[in-house]
Amino acid sequence: MKKILITGAAGFLGSHLCDRFIKEGYHVIAMDNLITGDLKNIEHLFKLKNFEFYNHDVSKFVHVPGDLDYILHFASPASPIDYLKIPIQTLKVGSLGTHNLLGLAKEKNARILIASTSEVYGDPLVHPQTEDYYGNVNTIGPRGVYDEAKRFQESITMAYHTYHKVETRIVRIFNTYGPRMRLNDGRVVPAFIGQALRGEDLTVFGDGSQTRSFCYVDDLIEGIYRLLFSDYVFPVNIGNPNEITIKDFAEEIIGLTGTDQKVIYKPLPVNDPLQRQPDISRAKEILDWEPKIDRSEGMKRTLEYFKSLSEEELYRSEHKDFSSYS
């Protein structure tokens, strides 16, 4: 049985990756320090013999006994509210954490896939964004702690590949949504759904003309799975190119929930990208991948998930205490 280490395993994407690799017959070693993750996301796996969990911060030395075939590095705060509250931890997990895991991959002769993000493009001047675009990032702006952590992560990954001959893969993830997201974590989909479920007006920043493209989590996981087992070592965009303005998306959510809230407008945050749309030509060519689940279906599934949560679960998904981290 092949062994795979998944960091950030109790988070939104990490937990879905655990499910996928359990389904594929792997022995899954899950690792998370639970800063933003929640054991609720993976507790259904605890009873399985081929699943184990370690509460550990990958910014510190990482030891895994025995053989290891693959590593998926998904340990990082990913929402603006999270990484603005714990900026140093965000930088450390992208730098020290990535260094530790690349060292582990070298020691174990394991293939490692690093989760990068469309944030490496910053507020893009090229649209849609191709993997060859170098980005437009403010290194000292409020989003810089996340953007630069991911850019450094890509650089050190390629250095380990070229210098130490480590088998590496890099996925650049665009806006993704689905079950197990936390409400009010600063990302568009859970923020709008949370406001709609509470009967609040939906908050749009700026005039709402900025665009995003939303990929359902199952499609994203399939793309990551294919990339891990491909022979391609350079970054690959994985996302849904179906673009929509934030204003129109807010109206879609109101229509989906059947509520009568208004859309209210607030000032646009500093360095908030005005356009975000992946060019997925490389993923189509190399991985034979493109998203299959349209936004209307994906949003229905996501809304049903949030509706199914108890009040206690909803509260836990909204509130995180970061006071002990630096």
C-alpha atoms as a PDB file:
ATOM      1  CA  MET A   1       0.000   0.000   0.000  1.00  0.00           C
ATOM      2  CA  LYS A   2       1.465   3.345  -1.079  1.00  0.00           C
ATOM      3  CA  LYS A   3       1.874   5.998   1.638  1.00  0.00           C
ATOM      4  CA  ILE A   4       1.045   9.675   1.212  1.00  0.00           C
ATOM      5  CA  LEU A   5       1.544  12.561   3.658  1.00  0.00           C
ATOM      6  CA  ILE A   6      -1.055  15.328   3.370  1.00  0.00           C
ATOM      7  CA  THR A   7      -0.348  18.541   5.286  1.00  0.00           C
ATOM      8  CA  GLY A   8      -3.170  20.922   6.102  1.00  0.00           C
ATOM      9  CA  ALA A   9      -5.245  17.750   6.182  1.00  0.00           C
ATOM     10  CA  ALA A  10      -8.027  19.084   8.423  1.00  0.00           C
ATOM     11  CA  GLY A  11      -8.632  22.089   6.205  1.00  0.00           C
ATOM     12  CA  PHE A  12     -11.048  22.585   3.346  1.00  0.00           C
ATOM     13  CA  LEU A  13      -8.922  21.199   0.507  1.00  0.00           C
ATOM     14  CA  GLY A  14      -6.747  18.929   2.641  1.00  0.00           C
ATOM     15  CA  SER A  15      -9.728  16.997   3.959  1.00  0.00           C
ATOM     16  CA  HIS A  16     -11.086  16.406   0.465  1.00  0.00           C
ATOM     17  CA  LEU A  17      -7.653  15.185  -0.610  1.00  0.00           C
ATOM     18  CA  CYS A  18      -7.639  12.748   2.323  1.00  0.00           C
ATOM     19  CA  ASP A  19     -10.989  11.390   1.132  1.00  0.00           C
ATOM     20  CA  ARG A  20      -9.743  10.991  -2.429  1.00  0.00           C
ATOM     21  CA  PHE A  21      -6.555   9.132  -1.553  1.00  0.00           C
ATOM     22  CA  ILE A  22      -8.321   6.877   0.936  1.00  0.00           C
ATOM     23  CA  LYS A  23     -10.765   6.052  -1.844  1.00  0.00           C
ATOM     24  CA  GLU A  24      -7.826   5.281  -4.157  1.00  0.00           C
ATOM     25  CA  GLY A  25      -6.436   2.757  -1.634  1.00  0.00           C
ATOM     26  CA  TYR A  26      -3.545   4.740  -0.144  1.00  0.00           C
ATOM     27  CA  HIS A  27      -2.304   4.799   3.427  1.00  0.00           C
ATOM     28  CA  VAL A  28      -2.906   8.445   4.337  1.00  0.00           C
ATOM     29  CA  ILE A  29      -0.808  10.238   6.943  1.00  0.00           C
ATOM     30  CA  ALA A  30      -2.662  13.453   7.775  1.00  0.00           C
ATOM     31  CA  MET A  31      -0.880  16.378   9.433  1.00  0.00           C
ATOM     32  CA  ASP A  32      -2.341  19.660  10.695  1.00  0.00           C
ATOM     33  CA  ASN A  33      -1.766  22.002  13.632  1.00  0.00           C
ATOM     34  CA  LEU A  34      -5.452  23.026  13.499  1.00  0.00           C
ATOM     35  CA  ILE A  35      -4.862  26.782  13.294  1.00  0.00           C
ATOM     36  CA  THR A  36      -7.504  27.061  10.604  1.00  0.00           C
ATOM     37  CA  GLY A  37      -8.373  23.390  10.128  1.00  0.00           C
ATOM     38  CA  ASP A  38     -11.068  21.459  11.991  1.00  0.00           C
ATOM     39  CA  LEU A  39     -10.959  17.794  13.012  1.00  0.00           C
ATOM     40  CA  LYS A  40     -14.660  17.619  12.150  1.00  0.00           C
ATOM     41  CA  ASN A  41     -13.593  17.562   8.490  1.00  0.00           C
ATOM     42  CA  ILE A  42     -11.687  14.278   8.840  1.00  0.00           C
ATOM     43  CA  GLU A  43     -13.173  12.566  11.911  1.00  0.00           C
ATOM     44  CA  HIS A  44     -15.043  10.136   9.666  1.00  0.00           C
ATOM     45  CA  LEU A  45     -11.638   8.713   8.654  1.00  0.00           C
ATOM     46  CA  PHE A  46     -10.257   8.065  12.154  1.00  0.00           C
ATOM     47  CA  LYS A  47     -11.715   4.554  12.331  1.00  0.00           C
ATOM     48  CA  LEU A  48      -9.810   3.422   9.229  1.00  0.00           C
ATOM     49  CA  LYS A  49      -6.639   1.353   9.553  1.00  0.00           C
ATOM     50  CA  ASN A  50      -5.018   3.116   6.606  1.00  0.00           C
ATOM     51  CA  PHE A  51      -5.476   6.607   8.091  1.00  0.00           C
ATOM     52  CA  GLU A  52      -3.445   8.306  10.812  1.00  0.00           C
ATOM     53  CA  PHE A  53      -3.380  11.874  12.093  1.00  0.00           C
ATOM     54  CA  TYR A  54      -0.603  13.978  13.595  1.00  0.00           C
ATOM     55  CA  ASN A  55      -1.238  17.339  15.252  1.00  0.00           C
ATOM     56  CA  HIS A  56       1.950  19.088  14.164  1.00  0.00           C
ATOM     57  CA  ASP A  57       3.164  22.437  12.820  1.00  0.00           C
ATOM     58  CA  VAL A  58       5.189  21.778   9.665  1.00  0.00           C
ATOM     59  CA  SER A  59       7.147  24.992  10.266  1.00  0.00           C
ATOM     60  CA  LYS A  60       8.991  22.837  12.811  1.00  0.00           C
ATOM     61  CA  PHE A  61      11.000  19.724  11.944  1.00  0.00           C
ATOM     62  CA  VAL A  62       8.831  17.058  10.284  1.00  0.00           C
ATOM     63  CA  HIS A  63       9.533  13.370  10.914  1.00  0.00           C
ATOM     64  CA  VAL A  64       7.581  10.519   9.380  1.00  0.00           C
ATOM     65  CA  PRO A  65       8.795   6.988  10.194  1.00  0.00           C
ATOM     66  CA  GLY A  66       9.193   4.383   7.473  1.00  0.00           C
ATOM     67  CA  ASP A  67       8.726   4.686   3.759  1.00  0.00           C
ATOM     68  CA  LEU A  68       6.850   7.529   2.118  1.00  0.00           C
ATOM     69  CA  ASP A  69       5.847   7.707  -1.538  1.00  0.00           C
ATOM     70  CA  TYR A  70       4.108  11.072  -1.923  1.00  0.00           C
ATOM     71  CA  ILE A  71       3.682  14.385  -0.110  1.00  0.00           C
ATOM     72  CA  LEU A  72       0.923  16.949  -0.683  1.00  0.00           C
ATOM     73  CA  HIS A  73       1.778  20.269   0.990  1.00  0.00           C
ATOM     74  CA  PHE A  74      -1.474  22.120   1.662  1.00  0.00           C
ATOM     75  CA  ALA A  75      -0.643  23.566   5.082  1.00  0.00           C
ATOM     76  CA  SER A  76      -1.252  27.316   4.943  1.00  0.00           C
ATOM     77  CA  PRO A  77      -3.889  29.839   5.931  1.00  0.00           C
ATOM     78  CA  ALA A  78      -5.682  30.587   2.668  1.00  0.00           C
ATOM     79  CA  SER A  79      -8.286  33.238   3.427  1.00  0.00           C
ATOM     80  CA  PRO A  80      -7.631  36.968   3.831  1.00  0.00           C
ATOM     81  CA  ILE A  81      -9.111  37.091   7.349  1.00  0.00           C
ATOM     82  CA  ASP A  82      -6.822  34.259   8.452  1.00  0.00           C
ATOM     83  CA  TYR A  83      -3.531  35.372   6.960  1.00  0.00           C
ATOM     84  CA  LEU A  84      -4.046  39.001   7.989  1.00  0.00           C
ATOM     85  CA  LYS A  85      -4.491  37.839  11.601  1.00  0.00           C
ATOM     86  CA  ILE A  86      -1.496  35.489  11.553  1.00  0.00           C
ATOM     87  CA  PRO A  87       0.868  37.008   8.984  1.00  0.00           C
ATOM     88  CA  ILE A  88       4.088  35.641  10.483  1.00  0.00           C
ATOM     89  CA  GLN A  89       2.721  32.105  10.731  1.00  0.00           C
ATOM     90  CA  THR A  90       1.601  32.396   7.102  1.00  0.00           C
ATOM     91  CA  LEU A  91       5.101  33.366   6.008  1.00  0.00           C
ATOM     92  CA  LYS A  92       6.672  30.618   8.125  1.00  0.00           C
ATOM     93  CA  VAL A  93       4.525  27.805   6.780  1.00  0.00           C
ATOM     94  CA  GLY A  94       5.240  28.914   3.215  1.00  0.00           C
ATOM     95  CA  SER A  95       8.993  29.154   3.791  1.00  0.00           C
ATOM     96  CA  LEU A  96      10.161  27.037   6.741  1.00  0.00           C
ATOM     97  CA  GLY A  97       7.320  24.553   6.312  1.00  0.00           C
ATOM     98  CA  THR A  98       7.985  24.093   2.624  1.00  0.00           C
ATOM     99  CA  HIS A  99      11.720  23.740   3.285  1.00  0.00           C
ATOM    100  CA  ASN A 100      11.068  21.042   5.883  1.00  0.00           C
ATOM    101  CA  LEU A 101       8.775  19.082   3.585  1.00  0.00           C
ATOM    102  CA  LEU A 102      11.104  19.324   0.602  1.00  0.00           C
ATOM    103  CA  GLY A 103      13.854  17.998   2.866  1.00  0.00           C
ATOM    104  CA  LEU A 104      11.580  15.138   3.868  1.00  0.00           C
ATOM    105  CA  ALA A 105      10.800  14.392   0.224  1.00  0.00           C
ATOM    106  CA  LYS A 106      14.541  14.308  -0.514  1.00  0.00           C
ATOM    107  CA  GLU A 107      15.205  11.977   2.433  1.00  0.00           C
ATOM    108  CA  LYS A 108      12.374   9.599   1.528  1.00  0.00           C
ATOM    109  CA  ASN A 109      12.818   9.841  -2.247  1.00  0.00           C
ATOM    110  CA  ALA A 110       9.157  10.858  -2.370  1.00  0.00           C
ATOM    111  CA  ARG A 111       7.346  12.934  -4.982  1.00  0.00           C
ATOM    112  CA  ILE A 112       5.999  16.202  -3.533  1.00  0.00           C
ATOM    113  CA  LEU A 113       3.216  18.432  -4.833  1.00  0.00           C
ATOM    114  CA  ILE A 114       3.136  22.017  -3.543  1.00  0.00           C
ATOM    115  CA  ALA A 115      -0.127  23.971  -3.336  1.00  0.00           C
ATOM    116  CA  SER A 116       0.473  27.411  -4.782  1.00  0.00           C
ATOM    117  CA  THR A 117      -2.237  29.885  -5.670  1.00  0.00           C
ATOM    118  CA  SER A 118      -3.470  32.433  -8.179  1.00  0.00           C
ATOM    119  CA  GLU A 119      -2.342  35.022  -5.626  1.00  0.00           C
ATOM    120  CA  VAL A 120       1.164  34.710  -7.113  1.00  0.00           C
ATOM    121  CA  TYR A 121      -0.237  36.825  -9.966  1.00  0.00           C
ATOM    122  CA  GLY A 122      -1.266  39.584  -7.518  1.00  0.00           C
ATOM    123  CA  ASP A 123      -3.575  42.176  -9.098  1.00  0.00           C
ATOM    124  CA  PRO A 124      -2.936  40.934 -12.634  1.00  0.00           C
ATOM    125  CA  LEU A 125      -2.240  43.166 -15.615  1.00  0.00           C
ATOM    126  CA  VAL A 126      -2.676  40.184 -17.958  1.00  0.00           C
ATOM    127  CA  HIS A 127      -6.098  38.601 -18.412  1.00  0.00           C
ATOM    128  CA  PRO A 128      -6.758  35.704 -18.277  1.00  0.00           C
ATOM    129  CA  GLN A 129      -3.697  34.639 -16.317  1.00  0.00           C
ATOM    130  CA  THR A 130      -1.308  32.151 -17.907  1.00  0.00           C
ATOM    131  CA  GLU A 131       1.433  30.299 -16.050  1.00  0.00           C
ATOM    132  CA  ASP A 132       4.040  32.341 -17.936  1.00  0.00           C
ATOM    133  CA  TYR A 133       2.825  35.622 -16.417  1.00  0.00           C
ATOM    134  CA  TYR A 134       5.130  36.831 -13.620  1.00  0.00           C
ATOM    135  CA  GLY A 135       2.479  38.786 -11.725  1.00  0.00           C
ATOM    136  CA  ASN A 136       1.899  42.220 -10.224  1.00  0.00           C
ATOM    137  CA  VAL A 137       2.430  41.854  -6.469  1.00  0.00           C
ATOM    138  CA  ASN A 138       2.925  44.445  -3.724  1.00  0.00           C
ATOM    139  CA  THR A 139       5.497  42.753  -1.488  1.00  0.00           C
ATOM    140  CA  ILE A 140       4.793  45.019   1.522  1.00  0.00           C
ATOM    141  CA  GLY A 141       1.038  45.372   1.105  1.00  0.00           C
ATOM    142  CA  PRO A 142      -1.458  43.610   3.398  1.00  0.00           C
ATOM    143  CA  ARG A 143      -1.761  40.613   1.048  1.00  0.00           C
ATOM    144  CA  GLY A 144       2.011  40.375   0.594  1.00  0.00           C
ATOM    145  CA  VAL A 145       2.459  37.917   3.469  1.00  0.00           C
ATOM    146  CA  TYR A 146       0.412  35.342   1.582  1.00  0.00           C
ATOM    147  CA  ASP A 147       1.433  36.259  -1.970  1.00  0.00           C
ATOM    148  CA  GLU A 148       5.156  36.258  -1.222  1.00  0.00           C
ATOM    149  CA  ALA A 149       4.974  33.097   0.890  1.00  0.00           C
ATOM    150  CA  LYS A 150       3.552  31.311  -2.135  1.00  0.00           C
ATOM    151  CA  ARG A 151       6.022  32.853  -4.574  1.00  0.00           C
ATOM    152  CA  PHE A 152       8.944  31.812  -2.355  1.00  0.00           C
ATOM    153  CA  GLN A 153       7.360  28.378  -2.029  1.00  0.00           C
ATOM    154  CA  GLU A 154       7.449  27.946  -5.794  1.00  0.00           C
ATOM    155  CA  SER A 155      11.063  29.163  -5.991  1.00  0.00           C
ATOM    156  CA  ILE A 156      12.443  26.809  -3.342  1.00  0.00           C
ATOM    157  CA  THR A 157      10.458  23.923  -4.830  1.00  0.00           C
ATOM    158  CA  MET A 158      12.048  24.449  -8.232  1.00  0.00           C
ATOM    159  CA  ALA A 159      15.472  24.818  -6.565  1.00  0.00           C
ATOM    160  CA  TYR A 160      15.059  21.426  -4.871  1.00  0.00           C
ATOM    161  CA  HIS A 161      13.996  19.956  -8.195  1.00  0.00           C
ATOM    162  CA  THR A 162      16.944  21.320 -10.168  1.00  0.00           C
ATOM    163  CA  TYR A 163      19.670  21.036  -7.500  1.00  0.00           C
ATOM    164  CA  HIS A 164      18.623  17.942  -5.497  1.00  0.00           C
ATOM    165  CA  LYS A 165      16.635  16.230  -8.304  1.00  0.00           C
ATOM    166  CA  VAL A 166      13.563  15.922  -6.055  1.00  0.00           C
ATOM    167  CA  GLU A 167      10.381  14.943  -7.923  1.00  0.00           C
ATOM    168  CA  THR A 168       8.228  18.075  -7.550  1.00  0.00           C
ATOM    169  CA  ARG A 169       4.891  19.336  -8.840  1.00  0.00           C
ATOM    170  CA  ILE A 170       3.318  22.804  -8.429  1.00  0.00           C
ATOM    171  CA  VAL A 171      -0.402  23.545  -8.667  1.00  0.00           C
ATOM    172  CA  ARG A 172      -1.672  27.122  -8.843  1.00  0.00           C
ATOM    173  CA  ILE A 173      -5.134  27.012  -7.349  1.00  0.00           C
ATOM    174  CA  PHE A 174      -7.783  29.542  -8.350  1.00  0.00           C
ATOM    175  CA  ASN A 175     -10.922  30.363  -6.328  1.00  0.00           C
ATOM    176  CA  THR A 176     -12.440  27.107  -5.149  1.00  0.00           C
ATOM    177  CA  TYR A 177     -15.607  26.454  -3.171  1.00  0.00           C
ATOM    178  CA  GLY A 178     -17.631  23.604  -1.735  1.00  0.00           C
ATOM    179  CA  PRO A 179     -18.504  21.751   1.479  1.00  0.00           C
ATOM    180  CA  ARG A 180     -16.222  22.217   4.523  1.00  0.00           C
ATOM    181  CA  MET A 181     -15.373  25.836   3.857  1.00  0.00           C
ATOM    182  CA  ARG A 182     -15.637  28.061   6.931  1.00  0.00           C
ATOM    183  CA  LEU A 183     -18.307  30.712   6.900  1.00  0.00           C
ATOM    184  CA  ASN A 184     -17.005  34.297   7.101  1.00  0.00           C
ATOM    185  CA  ASP A 185     -13.374  33.368   6.469  1.00  0.00           C
ATOM    186  CA  GLY A 186     -13.081  36.306   4.093  1.00  0.00           C
ATOM    187  CA  ARG A 187     -13.588  34.380   0.870  1.00  0.00           C
ATOM    188  CA  VAL A 188     -16.442  35.309  -1.429  1.00  0.00           C
ATOM    189  CA  VAL A 189     -18.564  32.153  -1.505  1.00  0.00           C
ATOM    190  CA  PRO A 190     -18.821  31.433   2.254  1.00  0.00           C
ATOM    191  CA  ALA A 191     -19.138  35.151   3.034  1.00  0.00           C
ATOM    192  CA  PHE A 192     -22.145  35.559   0.735  1.00  0.00           C
ATOM    193  CA  ILE A 193     -23.773  32.292   1.816  1.00  0.00           C
ATOM    194  CA  GLY A 194     -23.290  33.157   5.497  1.00  0.00           C
ATOM    195  CA  GLN A 195     -24.890  36.558   5.059  1.00  0.00           C
ATOM    196  CA  ALA A 196     -27.772  35.080   3.072  1.00  0.00           C
ATOM    197  CA  LEU A 197     -28.467  32.371   5.665  1.00  0.00           C
ATOM    198  CA  ARG A 198     -28.492  34.966   8.453  1.00  0.00           C
ATOM    199  CA  GLY A 199     -30.827  37.240   6.491  1.00  0.00           C
ATOM    200  CA  GLU A 200     -28.211  39.986   6.187  1.00  0.00           C
ATOM    201  CA  ASP A 201     -27.579  42.205   3.185  1.00  0.00           C
ATOM    202  CA  LEU A 202     -24.725  40.947   1.005  1.00  0.00           C
ATOM    203  CA  THR A 203     -21.545  43.026   1.195  1.00  0.00           C
ATOM    204  CA  VAL A 204     -19.767  43.791  -2.061  1.00  0.00           C
ATOM    205  CA  PHE A 205     -16.449  45.624  -1.926  1.00  0.00           C
ATOM    206  CA  GLY A 206     -15.836  48.290  -4.551  1.00  0.00           C
ATOM    207  CA  ASP A 207     -18.460  48.719  -7.267  1.00  0.00           C
ATOM    208  CA  GLY A 208     -18.773  44.962  -7.820  1.00  0.00           C
ATOM    209  CA  SER A 209     -17.283  45.033 -11.304  1.00  0.00           C
ATOM    210  CA  GLN A 210     -14.240  43.011 -10.226  1.00  0.00           C
ATOM    211  CA  THR A 211     -14.358  39.428 -11.449  1.00  0.00           C
ATOM    212  CA  ARG A 212     -13.720  35.968 -10.064  1.00  0.00           C
ATOM    213  CA  SER A 213     -14.081  32.459 -11.444  1.00  0.00           C
ATOM    214  CA  PHE A 214     -15.180  29.714  -9.074  1.00  0.00           C
ATOM    215  CA  CYS A 215     -14.179  26.051  -9.292  1.00  0.00           C
ATOM    216  CA  TYR A 216     -16.091  23.364  -7.415  1.00  0.00           C
ATOM    217  CA  VAL A 217     -13.895  21.385  -5.046  1.00  0.00           C
ATOM    218  CA  ASP A 218     -14.424  17.979  -6.691  1.00  0.00           C
ATOM    219  CA  ASP A 219     -13.125  19.332 -10.000  1.00  0.00           C
ATOM    220  CA  LEU A 220     -10.100  20.856  -8.290  1.00  0.00           C
ATOM    221  CA  ILE A 221      -9.231  17.615  -6.477  1.00  0.00           C
ATOM    222  CA  GLU A 222      -9.358  15.727  -9.771  1.00  0.00           C
ATOM    223  CA  GLY A 223      -6.968  18.226 -11.333  1.00  0.00           C
ATOM    224  CA  ILE A 224      -4.543  17.931  -8.410  1.00  0.00           C
ATOM    225  CA  TYR A 225      -4.702  14.136  -8.578  1.00  0.00           C
ATOM    226  CA  ARG A 226      -3.853  14.136 -12.270  1.00  0.00           C
ATOM    227  CA  LEU A 227      -1.024  16.637 -11.812  1.00  0.00           C
ATOM    228  CA  LEU A 228       0.604  14.577  -9.042  1.00  0.00           C
ATOM    229  CA  PHE A 229       0.889  11.587 -11.371  1.00  0.00           C
ATOM    230  CA  SER A 230       1.911  13.577 -14.446  1.00  0.00           C
ATOM    231  CA  ASP A 231       5.496  14.124 -15.589  1.00  0.00           C
ATOM    232  CA  TYR A 232       5.185  17.935 -15.606  1.00  0.00           C
ATOM    233  CA  VAL A 233       7.331  19.878 -13.117  1.00  0.00           C
ATOM    234  CA  PHE A 234       6.357  23.488 -13.853  1.00  0.00           C
ATOM    235  CA  PRO A 235       3.331  25.326 -12.377  1.00  0.00           C
ATOM    236  CA  VAL A 236      -0.126  24.434 -13.673  1.00  0.00           C
ATOM    237  CA  ASN A 237      -3.256  26.554 -13.239  1.00  0.00           C
ATOM    238  CA  ILE A 238      -6.226  24.595 -11.905  1.00  0.00           C
ATOM    239  CA  GLY A 239      -9.492  26.502 -11.784  1.00  0.00           C
ATOM    240  CA  ASN A 240     -12.710  27.257 -13.620  1.00  0.00           C
ATOM    241  CA  PRO A 241     -12.394  29.892 -16.382  1.00  0.00           C
ATOM    242  CA  ASN A 242     -16.115  30.755 -16.222  1.00  0.00           C
ATOM    243  CA  GLU A 243     -15.799  34.384 -15.079  1.00  0.00           C
ATOM    244  CA  ILE A 244     -18.447  36.464 -13.285  1.00  0.00           C
ATOM    245  CA  THR A 245     -18.532  39.889 -11.657  1.00  0.00           C
ATOM    246  CA  ILE A 246     -18.879  39.969  -7.886  1.00  0.00           C
ATOM    247  CA  LYS A 247     -22.062  42.043  -8.177  1.00  0.00           C
ATOM    248  CA  ASP A 248     -23.693  39.470 -10.457  1.00  0.00           C
ATOM    249  CA  PHE A 249     -22.515  36.659  -8.206  1.00  0.00           C
ATOM    250  CA  ALA A 250     -24.153  38.313  -5.193  1.00  0.00           C
ATOM    251  CA  GLU A 251     -27.422  38.444  -7.116  1.00  0.00           C
ATOM    252  CA  GLU A 252     -27.010  34.744  -7.973  1.00  0.00           C
ATOM    253  CA  ILE A 253     -26.674  33.872  -4.288  1.00  0.00           C
ATOM    254  CA  ILE A 254     -29.771  35.874  -3.373  1.00  0.00           C
ATOM    255  CA  GLY A 255     -31.693  34.046  -6.085  1.00  0.00           C
ATOM    256  CA  LEU A 256     -30.354  30.658  -4.974  1.00  0.00           C
ATOM    257  CA  THR A 257     -31.271  31.157  -1.319  1.00  0.00           C
ATOM    258  CA  GLY A 258     -34.681  32.635  -2.156  1.00  0.00           C
ATOM    259  CA  THR A 259     -34.154  35.584   0.159  1.00  0.00           C
ATOM    260  CA  ASP A 260     -34.821  39.274  -0.430  1.00  0.00           C
ATOM    261  CA  GLN A 261     -31.633  40.900   0.815  1.00  0.00           C
ATOM    262  CA  LYS A 262     -30.081  43.896  -0.852  1.00  0.00           C
ATOM    263  CA  VAL A 263     -26.513  44.240  -2.042  1.00  0.00           C
ATOM    264  CA  ILE A 264     -24.568  46.898  -0.137  1.00  0.00           C
ATOM    265  CA  TYR A 265     -21.236  48.367  -1.156  1.00  0.00           C
ATOM    266  CA  LYS A 266     -18.100  49.097   0.866  1.00  0.00           C
ATOM    267  CA  PRO A 267     -14.641  50.382  -0.123  1.00  0.00           C
ATOM    268  CA  LEU A 268     -12.394  47.949  -1.988  1.00  0.00           C
ATOM    269  CA  PRO A 269      -9.562  46.544   0.190  1.00  0.00           C
ATOM    270  CA  VAL A 270      -5.981  47.461  -0.666  1.00  0.00           C
ATOM    271  CA  ASN A 271      -4.489  45.403  -3.530  1.00  0.00           C
ATOM    272  CA  ASP A 272      -7.682  43.391  -3.988  1.00  0.00           C
ATOM    273  CA  PRO A 273      -7.392  41.875  -7.502  1.00  0.00           C
ATOM    274  CA  LEU A 274      -9.789  43.397 -10.013  1.00  0.00           C
ATOM    275  CA  GLN A 275      -9.707  40.380 -12.320  1.00  0.00           C
ATOM    276  CA  ARG A 276      -9.124  36.719 -11.593  1.00  0.00           C
ATOM    277  CA  GLN A 277      -9.539  34.117 -14.334  1.00  0.00           C
ATOM    278  CA  PRO A 278      -7.288  31.157 -15.126  1.00  0.00           C
ATOM    279  CA  ASP A 279      -6.049  30.209 -18.520  1.00  0.00           C
ATOM    280  CA  ILE A 280      -6.254  26.413 -18.249  1.00  0.00           C
ATOM    281  CA  SER A 281      -4.806  25.559 -21.661  1.00  0.00           C
ATOM    282  CA  ARG A 282      -1.821  23.863 -20.016  1.00  0.00           C
ATOM    283  CA  ALA A 283      -4.044  21.701 -17.777  1.00  0.00           C
ATOM    284  CA  LYS A 284      -6.144  20.690 -20.773  1.00  0.00           C
ATOM    285  CA  GLU A 285      -3.100  19.741 -22.831  1.00  0.00           C
ATOM    286  CA  ILE A 286      -0.977  18.032 -20.176  1.00  0.00           C
ATOM    287  CA  LEU A 287      -3.578  16.587 -17.806  1.00  0.00           C
ATOM    288  CA  ASP A 288      -6.574  16.242 -20.119  1.00  0.00           C
ATOM    289  CA  TRP A 289      -8.420  18.141 -17.381  1.00  0.00           C
ATOM    290  CA  GLU A 290     -11.115  20.776 -17.287  1.00  0.00           C
ATOM    291  CA  PRO A 291     -13.916  21.445 -14.789  1.00  0.00           C
ATOM    292  CA  LYS A 292     -17.109  19.432 -15.216  1.00  0.00           C
ATOM    293  CA  ILE A 293     -19.445  20.844 -12.537  1.00  0.00           C
ATOM    294  CA  ASP A 294     -21.110  24.129 -13.426  1.00  0.00           C
ATOM    295  CA  ARG A 295     -21.567  26.876 -10.864  1.00  0.00           C
ATOM    296  CA  SER A 296     -25.322  26.419 -10.436  1.00  0.00           C
ATOM    297  CA  GLU A 297     -24.915  22.752  -9.471  1.00  0.00           C
ATOM    298  CA  GLY A 298     -21.865  23.352  -7.311  1.00  0.00           C
ATOM    299  CA  MET A 299     -23.529  26.189  -5.423  1.00  0.00           C
ATOM    300  CA  LYS A 300     -26.605  24.048  -4.731  1.00  0.00           C
ATOM    301  CA  ARG A 301     -24.393  21.359  -3.169  1.00  0.00           C
ATOM    302  CA  THR A 302     -22.487  23.946  -1.141  1.00  0.00           C
ATOM    303  CA  LEU A 303     -25.633  25.645   0.135  1.00  0.00           C
ATOM    304  CA  GLU A 304     -27.111  22.296   1.184  1.00  0.00           C
ATOM    305  CA  TYR A 305     -23.942  21.556   3.156  1.00  0.00           C
ATOM    306  CA  PHE A 306     -24.169  24.788   5.122  1.00  0.00           C
ATOM    307  CA  LYS A 307     -27.878  24.311   5.703  1.00  0.00           C
ATOM    308  CA  SER A 308     -27.156  20.866   7.185  1.00  0.00           C
ATOM    309  CA  LEU A 309     -24.835  22.202   9.902  1.00  0.00           C
ATOM    310  CA  SER A 310     -25.989  22.663  13.477  1.00  0.00           C
ATOM    311  CA  GLU A 311     -25.750  26.095  15.126  1.00  0.00           C
ATOM    312  CA  GLU A 312     -22.725  24.887  17.107  1.00  0.00           C
ATOM    313  CA  GLU A 313     -20.988  23.727  13.915  1.00  0.00           C
ATOM    314  CA  LEU A 314     -21.803  26.984  12.159  1.00  0.00           C
ATOM    315  CA  TYR A 315     -20.337  28.960  15.055  1.00  0.00           C
ATOM    316  CA  ARG A 316     -17.169  26.850  15.072  1.00  0.00           C
ATOM    317  CA  SER A 317     -16.787  27.320  11.321  1.00  0.00           C
ATOM    318  CA  GLU A 318     -16.931  31.109  11.737  1.00  0.00           C
ATOM    319  CA  HIS A 319     -14.739  31.712  14.779  1.00  0.00           C
ATOM    320  CA  LYS A 320     -11.065  30.925  15.212  1.00  0.00           C
ATOM    321  CA  ASP A 321      -8.774  32.053  18.033  1.00  0.00           C
ATOM    322  CA  PHE A 322      -5.348  33.020  16.702  1.00  0.00           C
ATOM    323  CA  SER A 323      -4.096  34.689  19.885  1.00  0.00           C
ATOM    324  CA  SER A 324      -1.481  32.024  20.687  1.00  0.00           C
ATOM    325  CA  TYR A 325       0.210  32.073  17.263  1.00  0.00           C
ATOM    326  CA  SER A 326       2.970  34.359  16.043  1.00  0.00           C
END
